[in-house]
Each structure stands twice: as structure tokens, then as C-alpha cells.
Amino acid sequence: MGLPGRTTQGMMPMTGEIDAERSMADEAIIKNPGTVPVLFHEQREAIMRLLIEKACNIIELSKATKMNPGTIKRHVDMLVDHGLVFLAILDTNEYGIKLKYYRAVARKFVFSFGWPLN
């Protein structure tokens, strides 16, 4: 399935494979209290807000947040590891470079856990 109009600066339009098995939910319930500090980190929160709006790659996130791409990658990997973000599109540009587009798993996150933990 193609992505009409998706381009990178100075490059031709690309076609990407969309992860048809996953789509963004309206709401996700967070049951692990260890996810709270991951989500409520200033830089990761900025990344999450962008990924709730649309799928982005590391370079797009870097430009939008003014953060180093390596820093973005580290934060995105942590968000993926905690189930807050998923790889939505795997694209290849005209030069054969793979571009990964990430997306938040939901538009809204609800926390549901008790304390103390068992």
C-alpha cells in the first residue's frame, strides 16, 4: 500500500509497508506503574505528543523537537519497549535507505494500578 505525497526533503515520494496488524487505539490502559516515569519524562512526552498526531521517523522527530537523532532513537526505543509506541511503517527511499515511522499505540492513556504492589 503506497503513501501518496510522503516525501523527504529533496527526495522522491516513497511507498511504505503499513503494519496492518496494528492500528492506533482510542485509549490504552497502563497497568504497570514502572511505565509512569517513562511516559512522564519531558523529552519523551514531547515525542509522544507528536506520535499521537501522526506517524514520524527519527529525523522528523529530531527536527520537530530540536533533539539529536541519537537521543530521539534512545527515547523511541524505550517507548517501544514499554508498549507505548509501535513501528507503524517501514519505508525505503530511492537510495535504498530504510526509514522507520513510529506511532503511539493510543490517543489517550489511562493509568490503572494500586499501591502497594504485590
Protein backbone atom coordinates (compact mmCIF):
# COMPACT_ATOMS: atom_id res chain seq x y z
CA MET A 1 0.00 0.00 0.00
CA GLY A 2 1.53 3.32 -1.01
CA LEU A 3 1.77 6.55 0.93
CA PRO A 4 0.87 9.24 -1.58
CA GLY A 5 2.68 12.51 -1.09
CA ARG A 6 5.08 11.27 1.60
CA THR A 7 8.48 12.70 0.73
CA THR A 8 11.67 13.60 2.45
CA GLN A 9 13.39 16.85 1.63
CA GLY A 10 15.00 16.59 -1.82
CA MET A 11 13.82 13.01 -2.40
CA MET A 12 11.16 11.35 -4.50
CA PRO A 13 7.89 10.12 -2.97
CA MET A 14 8.22 6.79 -1.20
CA THR A 15 5.98 3.80 -0.78
CA GLY A 16 5.85 2.04 2.54
CA GLU A 17 4.58 -1.10 4.13
CA ILE A 18 1.99 -0.38 6.78
CA ASP A 19 1.67 -2.69 9.77
CA ALA A 20 -1.89 -3.81 9.08
CA GLU A 21 -1.91 -5.88 12.27
CA ARG A 22 -1.59 -2.77 14.46
CA SER A 23 -3.53 0.43 14.49
CA MET A 24 -3.82 3.27 16.92
CA ALA A 25 -6.43 2.71 19.63
CA ASP A 26 -8.55 5.45 21.14
CA GLU A 27 -7.41 4.50 24.65
CA ALA A 28 -4.76 2.33 26.29
CA ILE A 29 -4.80 1.25 29.93
CA ILE A 30 -1.44 1.33 31.67
CA LYS A 31 -1.29 -1.29 34.43
CA ASN A 32 2.46 -1.22 35.08
CA PRO A 33 3.50 1.57 37.49
CA GLY A 34 7.01 1.37 36.02
CA THR A 35 5.63 2.96 32.85
CA VAL A 36 4.77 6.22 34.65
CA PRO A 37 8.32 7.66 34.75
CA VAL A 38 8.87 6.55 31.14
CA LEU A 39 5.84 8.44 29.90
CA PHE A 40 6.21 11.49 32.15
CA HIS A 41 9.72 12.40 31.08
CA GLU A 42 9.84 15.85 29.42
CA GLN A 43 11.55 14.75 26.20
CA ARG A 44 9.59 11.50 25.81
CA GLU A 45 6.36 13.38 26.49
CA ALA A 46 7.17 15.74 23.59
CA ILE A 47 7.86 12.74 21.35
CA MET A 48 4.63 11.03 22.41
CA ARG A 49 2.55 14.12 21.64
CA LEU A 50 3.94 14.12 18.09
CA LEU A 51 3.38 10.39 17.64
CA ILE A 52 -0.22 10.71 18.80
CA GLU A 53 -0.80 13.21 15.97
CA LYS A 54 0.91 11.24 13.17
CA ALA A 55 3.50 8.61 12.32
CA CYS A 56 7.01 10.07 12.27
CA ASN A 57 10.53 8.85 11.65
CA ILE A 58 13.56 9.68 13.80
CA ILE A 59 14.64 12.58 11.56
CA GLU A 60 11.17 14.17 11.61
CA LEU A 61 11.02 13.84 15.39
CA SER A 62 14.52 15.31 15.68
CA LYS A 63 13.59 18.36 13.60
CA ALA A 64 10.31 18.91 15.46
CA THR A 65 11.84 18.64 18.93
CA LYS A 66 15.33 20.07 18.21
CA MET A 67 16.85 16.95 19.82
CA ASN A 68 19.76 14.92 18.50
CA PRO A 69 18.62 11.91 16.38
CA GLY A 70 20.57 9.56 18.67
CA THR A 71 18.70 10.92 21.68
CA ILE A 72 15.39 10.53 19.84
CA LYS A 73 16.27 6.92 18.92
CA ARG A 74 17.09 6.08 22.55
CA HIS A 75 13.78 7.58 23.76
CA VAL A 76 11.75 5.90 20.99
CA ASP A 77 13.34 2.54 21.78
CA MET A 78 12.34 2.96 25.44
CA LEU A 79 8.78 3.89 24.44
CA VAL A 80 8.61 0.80 22.19
CA ASP A 81 9.99 -1.42 24.98
CA HIS A 82 7.22 -0.19 27.32
CA GLY A 83 4.49 -0.77 24.73
CA LEU A 84 3.64 2.91 24.25
CA VAL A 85 4.82 3.20 20.63
CA PHE A 86 4.97 0.77 17.71
CA LEU A 87 6.67 0.62 14.32
CA ALA A 88 3.84 1.63 12.00
CA ILE A 89 5.53 1.95 8.61
CA LEU A 90 8.77 0.62 7.18
CA ASP A 91 9.76 2.69 4.14
CA THR A 92 12.66 2.59 1.73
CA ASN A 93 13.68 5.76 -0.10
CA GLU A 94 15.11 5.91 -3.63
CA TYR A 95 18.63 5.37 -2.25
CA GLY A 96 17.66 2.12 -0.52
CA ILE A 97 17.76 3.65 2.96
CA LYS A 98 15.17 2.16 5.31
CA LEU A 99 13.04 4.68 7.18
CA LYS A 100 11.03 3.56 10.20
CA TYR A 101 7.88 5.52 11.06
CA TYR A 102 6.64 5.16 14.63
CA ARG A 103 3.18 5.80 16.05
CA ALA A 104 1.70 5.96 19.56
CA VAL A 105 -0.41 2.91 20.43
CA ALA A 106 -3.31 5.13 21.56
CA ARG A 107 -4.62 8.69 21.53
CA LYS A 108 -5.21 8.62 25.30
CA PHE A 109 -3.52 6.74 28.15
CA VAL A 110 -5.33 5.79 31.37
CA PHE A 111 -3.49 4.57 34.45
CA SER A 112 -4.99 1.70 36.45
CA PHE A 113 -2.92 0.19 39.24
CA GLY A 114 -2.92 0.04 43.00
CA TRP A 115 -0.30 0.60 45.62
CA PRO A 116 1.42 -1.09 47.35
CA LEU A 117 2.22 -3.62 44.71
CA ASN A 118 2.09 -7.33 45.49
